[in-house]
């Protein structure tokens, strides 16, 4: 269950990252001030980087939880039954 939730969150973060990156690409900064351009580039990089990092974290968590579920299933099948 946790793997599915993390996977959905990873997909949502991926969609959000794509939307943000496309929005930033379409709407350039309309300033001739060099400081404004550099600060806006830094903020845009930070925003896209943070959403990308969130995508990676949730994606890796989904993969790890899915692998854990498979490991538990395999261990339970290989475990001898304790019937009296």
N, C-alpha and C. Protein backbone atom coordinates (compact mmCIF):
# COMPACT_ATOMS: atom_id res chain seq x y z
N UNK A 1 0.82 -1.19 0.00
CA UNK A 1 0.00 0.00 0.00
C UNK A 1 0.87 1.26 0.00
N UNK A 2 1.92 1.24 0.81
CA UNK A 2 2.82 2.39 0.87
C UNK A 2 3.54 2.63 -0.44
N UNK A 3 3.86 1.54 -1.14
CA UNK A 3 4.52 1.66 -2.44
C UNK A 3 3.62 2.35 -3.45
N UNK A 4 2.35 2.03 -3.43
CA UNK A 4 1.40 2.66 -4.36
C UNK A 4 1.27 4.15 -4.06
N UNK A 5 1.17 4.48 -2.78
CA UNK A 5 1.05 5.89 -2.39
C UNK A 5 2.30 6.67 -2.80
N UNK A 6 3.48 6.10 -2.53
CA UNK A 6 4.72 6.77 -2.91
C UNK A 6 4.83 6.89 -4.44
N UNK A 7 4.38 5.89 -5.16
CA UNK A 7 4.40 5.95 -6.61
C UNK A 7 3.48 7.03 -7.15
N UNK A 8 2.32 7.16 -6.56
CA UNK A 8 1.38 8.21 -6.99
C UNK A 8 1.97 9.59 -6.69
N UNK A 9 2.58 9.74 -5.53
CA UNK A 9 3.22 11.01 -5.19
C UNK A 9 4.39 11.32 -6.12
N UNK A 10 5.15 10.29 -6.49
CA UNK A 10 6.27 10.49 -7.42
C UNK A 10 5.75 10.94 -8.78
N UNK A 11 4.68 10.33 -9.24
CA UNK A 11 4.10 10.73 -10.53
C UNK A 11 3.55 12.15 -10.47
N UNK A 12 2.92 12.49 -9.35
CA UNK A 12 2.40 13.85 -9.18
C UNK A 12 3.53 14.87 -9.16
N UNK A 13 4.61 14.53 -8.48
CA UNK A 13 5.76 15.44 -8.45
C UNK A 13 6.40 15.56 -9.82
N UNK A 14 6.45 14.47 -10.57
CA UNK A 14 6.99 14.52 -11.93
C UNK A 14 6.13 15.42 -12.82
N UNK A 15 4.83 15.29 -12.71
CA UNK A 15 3.93 16.14 -13.50
C UNK A 15 4.09 17.60 -13.11
N UNK A 16 4.21 17.86 -11.82
CA UNK A 16 4.39 19.22 -11.35
C UNK A 16 5.73 19.80 -11.82
N UNK A 17 6.77 18.99 -11.78
CA UNK A 17 8.08 19.44 -12.25
C UNK A 17 8.04 19.80 -13.73
N UNK A 18 7.39 18.97 -14.52
CA UNK A 18 7.27 19.25 -15.95
C UNK A 18 6.48 20.54 -16.20
N UNK A 19 5.40 20.72 -15.47
CA UNK A 19 4.58 21.92 -15.64
C UNK A 19 5.35 23.18 -15.24
N UNK A 20 6.08 23.10 -14.15
CA UNK A 20 6.87 24.25 -13.70
C UNK A 20 7.96 24.58 -14.71
N UNK A 21 8.67 23.57 -15.18
CA UNK A 21 9.75 23.80 -16.14
C UNK A 21 9.21 24.40 -17.44
N UNK A 22 8.08 23.91 -17.91
CA UNK A 22 7.48 24.47 -19.12
C UNK A 22 7.01 25.90 -18.90
N UNK A 23 6.46 26.18 -17.74
CA UNK A 23 6.02 27.54 -17.43
C UNK A 23 7.21 28.50 -17.38
N UNK A 24 8.29 28.07 -16.76
CA UNK A 24 9.49 28.90 -16.70
C UNK A 24 10.08 29.12 -18.09
N UNK A 25 10.02 28.10 -18.95
CA UNK A 25 10.56 28.24 -20.30
C UNK A 25 9.72 29.20 -21.15
N UNK A 26 8.41 29.20 -20.94
CA UNK A 26 7.54 30.07 -21.72
C UNK A 26 7.52 31.52 -21.24
N UNK A 27 7.73 31.72 -19.95
CA UNK A 27 7.65 33.06 -19.37
C UNK A 27 9.04 33.51 -18.92
N UNK A 28 9.74 34.16 -19.81
CA UNK A 28 11.07 34.66 -19.50
C UNK A 28 10.97 35.91 -18.63
N UNK A 29 12.06 36.21 -17.94
CA UNK A 29 12.12 37.41 -17.12
C UNK A 29 12.26 38.61 -18.04
N UNK A 30 11.42 39.61 -17.83
CA UNK A 30 11.39 40.80 -18.69
C UNK A 30 12.11 41.96 -18.02
N UNK A 31 13.35 41.75 -17.63
CA UNK A 31 14.12 42.80 -16.98
C UNK A 31 15.49 42.91 -17.63
N UNK A 32 16.00 44.11 -17.69
CA UNK A 32 17.35 44.32 -18.22
C UNK A 32 18.37 44.40 -17.11
N UNK A 33 17.90 44.39 -15.87
CA UNK A 33 18.78 44.45 -14.71
C UNK A 33 19.47 43.10 -14.53
N UNK A 34 20.80 43.10 -14.49
CA UNK A 34 21.58 41.87 -14.39
C UNK A 34 21.33 41.14 -13.07
N UNK A 35 21.20 41.89 -12.00
CA UNK A 35 20.96 41.27 -10.68
C UNK A 35 19.61 40.56 -10.66
N UNK A 36 18.59 41.18 -11.22
CA UNK A 36 17.27 40.56 -11.29
C UNK A 36 17.31 39.29 -12.12
N UNK A 37 18.02 39.31 -13.22
CA UNK A 37 18.13 38.12 -14.07
C UNK A 37 18.84 36.99 -13.34
N UNK A 38 19.90 37.31 -12.64
CA UNK A 38 20.65 36.26 -11.92
C UNK A 38 19.84 35.69 -10.75
N UNK A 39 19.16 36.55 -10.01
CA UNK A 39 18.35 36.07 -8.89
C UNK A 39 17.19 35.22 -9.41
N UNK A 40 16.55 35.65 -10.49
CA UNK A 40 15.44 34.86 -11.03
C UNK A 40 15.93 33.53 -11.57
N UNK A 41 17.10 33.49 -12.18
CA UNK A 41 17.65 32.22 -12.65
C UNK A 41 17.95 31.29 -11.48
N UNK A 42 18.48 31.86 -10.39
CA UNK A 42 18.77 31.04 -9.21
C UNK A 42 17.49 30.50 -8.59
N UNK A 43 16.46 31.33 -8.49
CA UNK A 43 15.19 30.89 -7.90
C UNK A 43 14.53 29.83 -8.78
N UNK A 44 14.55 30.04 -10.07
CA UNK A 44 13.98 29.04 -10.99
C UNK A 44 14.71 27.71 -10.87
N UNK A 45 16.04 27.77 -10.81
CA UNK A 45 16.83 26.54 -10.66
C UNK A 45 16.51 25.85 -9.34
N UNK A 46 16.37 26.64 -8.29
CA UNK A 46 16.05 26.08 -6.97
C UNK A 46 14.68 25.41 -6.98
N UNK A 47 13.69 26.06 -7.56
CA UNK A 47 12.33 25.50 -7.58
C UNK A 47 12.30 24.20 -8.39
N UNK A 48 12.87 24.21 -9.57
CA UNK A 48 12.88 23.00 -10.40
C UNK A 48 13.71 21.90 -9.73
N UNK A 49 14.82 22.28 -9.12
CA UNK A 49 15.66 21.30 -8.43
C UNK A 49 14.97 20.64 -7.26
N UNK A 50 14.24 21.43 -6.48
CA UNK A 50 13.54 20.88 -5.32
C UNK A 50 12.41 19.93 -5.74
N UNK A 51 11.68 20.30 -6.78
CA UNK A 51 10.61 19.40 -7.22
C UNK A 51 11.19 18.13 -7.84
N UNK A 52 12.32 18.27 -8.53
CA UNK A 52 12.99 17.08 -9.09
C UNK A 52 13.49 16.17 -7.97
N UNK A 53 14.04 16.77 -6.93
CA UNK A 53 14.51 15.98 -5.79
C UNK A 53 13.34 15.27 -5.11
N UNK A 54 12.22 15.94 -4.98
CA UNK A 54 11.03 15.29 -4.41
C UNK A 54 10.57 14.12 -5.26
N UNK A 55 10.63 14.29 -6.58
CA UNK A 55 10.27 13.20 -7.48
C UNK A 55 11.18 12.00 -7.25
N UNK A 56 12.48 12.27 -7.15
CA UNK A 56 13.44 11.18 -6.94
C UNK A 56 13.26 10.48 -5.61
N UNK A 57 13.00 11.25 -4.56
CA UNK A 57 12.82 10.67 -3.23
C UNK A 57 11.59 9.76 -3.21
N UNK A 58 10.47 10.27 -3.72
CA UNK A 58 9.26 9.46 -3.72
C UNK A 58 9.38 8.26 -4.66
N UNK A 59 10.08 8.43 -5.78
CA UNK A 59 10.28 7.31 -6.71
C UNK A 59 11.12 6.22 -6.08
N UNK A 60 12.22 6.60 -5.43
CA UNK A 60 13.06 5.60 -4.76
C UNK A 60 12.34 4.94 -3.59
N UNK A 61 11.53 5.70 -2.87
CA UNK A 61 10.75 5.12 -1.78
C UNK A 61 9.75 4.10 -2.32
N UNK A 62 9.13 4.40 -3.44
CA UNK A 62 8.17 3.46 -4.05
C UNK A 62 8.88 2.18 -4.47
N UNK A 63 10.03 2.31 -5.09
CA UNK A 63 10.79 1.12 -5.51
C UNK A 63 11.22 0.31 -4.31
N UNK A 64 11.72 0.99 -3.27
CA UNK A 64 12.16 0.28 -2.06
C UNK A 64 11.03 -0.43 -1.35
N UNK A 65 9.89 0.21 -1.23
CA UNK A 65 8.75 -0.42 -0.57
C UNK A 65 8.21 -1.60 -1.38
N UNK A 66 8.23 -1.47 -2.69
CA UNK A 66 7.80 -2.58 -3.55
C UNK A 66 8.75 -3.76 -3.40
N UNK A 67 10.05 -3.49 -3.39
CA UNK A 67 11.03 -4.57 -3.21
C UNK A 67 10.88 -5.22 -1.83
N UNK A 68 10.59 -4.43 -0.81
CA UNK A 68 10.38 -4.98 0.53
C UNK A 68 9.15 -5.89 0.56
N UNK A 69 8.09 -5.48 -0.13
CA UNK A 69 6.89 -6.31 -0.18
C UNK A 69 7.19 -7.65 -0.85
N UNK A 70 7.94 -7.63 -1.93
CA UNK A 70 8.31 -8.88 -2.61
C UNK A 70 9.15 -9.75 -1.69
N UNK A 71 10.10 -9.14 -0.98
CA UNK A 71 10.95 -9.90 -0.07
C UNK A 71 10.13 -10.56 1.04
N UNK A 72 9.17 -9.85 1.58
CA UNK A 72 8.34 -10.41 2.65
C UNK A 72 7.48 -11.56 2.12
N UNK A 73 6.94 -11.39 0.92
CA UNK A 73 6.14 -12.47 0.32
C UNK A 73 6.98 -13.71 0.10
N UNK A 74 8.19 -13.55 -0.42
CA UNK A 74 9.08 -14.69 -0.66
C UNK A 74 9.46 -15.36 0.65
N UNK A 75 9.76 -14.59 1.69
CA UNK A 75 10.13 -15.16 2.98
C UNK A 75 8.97 -15.93 3.60
N UNK A 76 7.76 -15.43 3.46
CA UNK A 76 6.61 -16.14 4.03
C UNK A 76 6.35 -17.44 3.30
N UNK A 77 6.58 -17.48 1.98
CA UNK A 77 6.37 -18.72 1.24
C UNK A 77 7.43 -19.77 1.53
N UNK A 78 8.65 -19.33 1.84
CA UNK A 78 9.73 -20.26 2.13
C UNK A 78 9.75 -20.70 3.58
N UNK A 79 8.99 -20.07 4.41
CA UNK A 79 8.94 -20.40 5.82
C UNK A 79 8.11 -21.67 6.04
N UNK A 80 8.65 -22.65 6.79
CA UNK A 80 7.86 -23.86 7.04
C UNK A 80 6.66 -23.55 7.92
N UNK A 81 5.56 -24.24 7.65
CA UNK A 81 4.36 -24.00 8.44
C UNK A 81 4.47 -24.70 9.78
N UNK A 82 3.95 -24.05 10.81
CA UNK A 82 4.00 -24.56 12.18
C UNK A 82 2.62 -25.10 12.58
N UNK A 83 2.18 -26.16 11.98
CA UNK A 83 0.88 -26.73 12.33
C UNK A 83 1.06 -27.80 13.39
N UNK A 84 0.20 -27.81 14.39
CA UNK A 84 0.29 -28.76 15.50
C UNK A 84 -0.52 -29.98 15.21
